[in-house]
Amino acid sequence: MAKNQYSFEKRRREIEKKKKKEEKEAKKIEKKDSSSDESPDSPAPEDSGAADQGEPA
Protein backbone atom coordinates (compact mmCIF):
# COMPACT_ATOMS: atom_id res chain seq x y z
CA MET A 1 0.00 0.00 0.00
CA ALA A 2 2.87 2.37 0.66
CA LYS A 3 4.01 1.69 -2.87
CA ASN A 4 0.72 2.99 -4.28
CA GLN A 5 1.02 6.15 -2.20
CA TYR A 6 4.60 6.64 -3.42
CA SER A 7 3.50 6.20 -7.03
CA PHE A 8 0.75 8.76 -6.54
CA GLU A 9 3.12 11.28 -4.96
CA LYS A 10 5.72 10.70 -7.67
CA ARG A 11 3.15 11.21 -10.41
CA ARG A 12 1.89 14.37 -8.70
CA ARG A 13 5.45 15.76 -8.55
CA GLU A 14 6.00 14.90 -12.22
CA ILE A 15 2.80 16.73 -13.18
CA GLU A 16 3.84 19.76 -11.13
CA LYS A 17 7.28 19.81 -12.77
CA LYS A 18 5.73 19.53 -16.23
CA LYS A 19 3.27 22.35 -15.49
CA LYS A 20 6.03 24.58 -14.12
CA LYS A 21 8.20 23.88 -17.17
CA GLU A 22 5.34 24.72 -19.55
CA GLU A 23 4.65 27.96 -17.68
CA LYS A 24 8.33 28.87 -17.85
CA GLU A 25 8.46 28.18 -21.59
CA ALA A 26 5.29 30.22 -22.17
CA LYS A 27 6.76 33.10 -20.20
CA LYS A 28 9.98 32.82 -22.19
CA ILE A 29 8.07 32.91 -25.50
CA GLU A 30 6.00 35.85 -24.29
CA LYS A 31 9.16 37.74 -23.33
CA LYS A 32 10.72 36.92 -26.70
CA ASP A 33 7.60 38.14 -28.52
CA SER A 34 7.65 41.36 -26.52
CA SER A 35 11.26 41.96 -27.48
CA SER A 36 10.50 41.23 -31.13
CA ASP A 37 7.53 43.62 -31.10
CA GLU A 38 9.62 46.43 -29.67
CA SER A 39 12.30 46.20 -32.34
CA PRO A 40 10.05 46.83 -35.38
CA ASP A 41 8.14 49.55 -33.51
CA SER A 42 11.27 51.58 -32.83
CA PRO A 43 12.17 52.24 -36.51
CA ALA A 44 8.52 52.82 -37.48
CA PRO A 45 8.10 56.10 -35.55
CA GLU A 46 11.42 57.32 -36.92
CA ASP A 47 10.30 56.59 -40.48
CA SER A 48 6.87 58.16 -40.01
CA GLY A 49 8.47 61.12 -38.23
CA ALA A 50 10.82 61.67 -41.14
CA ALA A 51 7.91 61.45 -43.56
CA ASP A 52 5.89 63.94 -41.48
CA GLN A 53 8.79 66.38 -41.44
CA GLY A 54 9.25 66.04 -45.18
CA GLU A 55 5.61 66.67 -46.10
CA PRO A 56 5.09 70.11 -44.51
CA ALA A 57 8.41 71.39 -45.82
Foldseek 3Di string as FASTA:
>chain_A
DVVVVVVVVVVVVVVVVVVVVVVVVVVVVVVVVVVVVVVVVVVVVVVVVVVVVVVVD
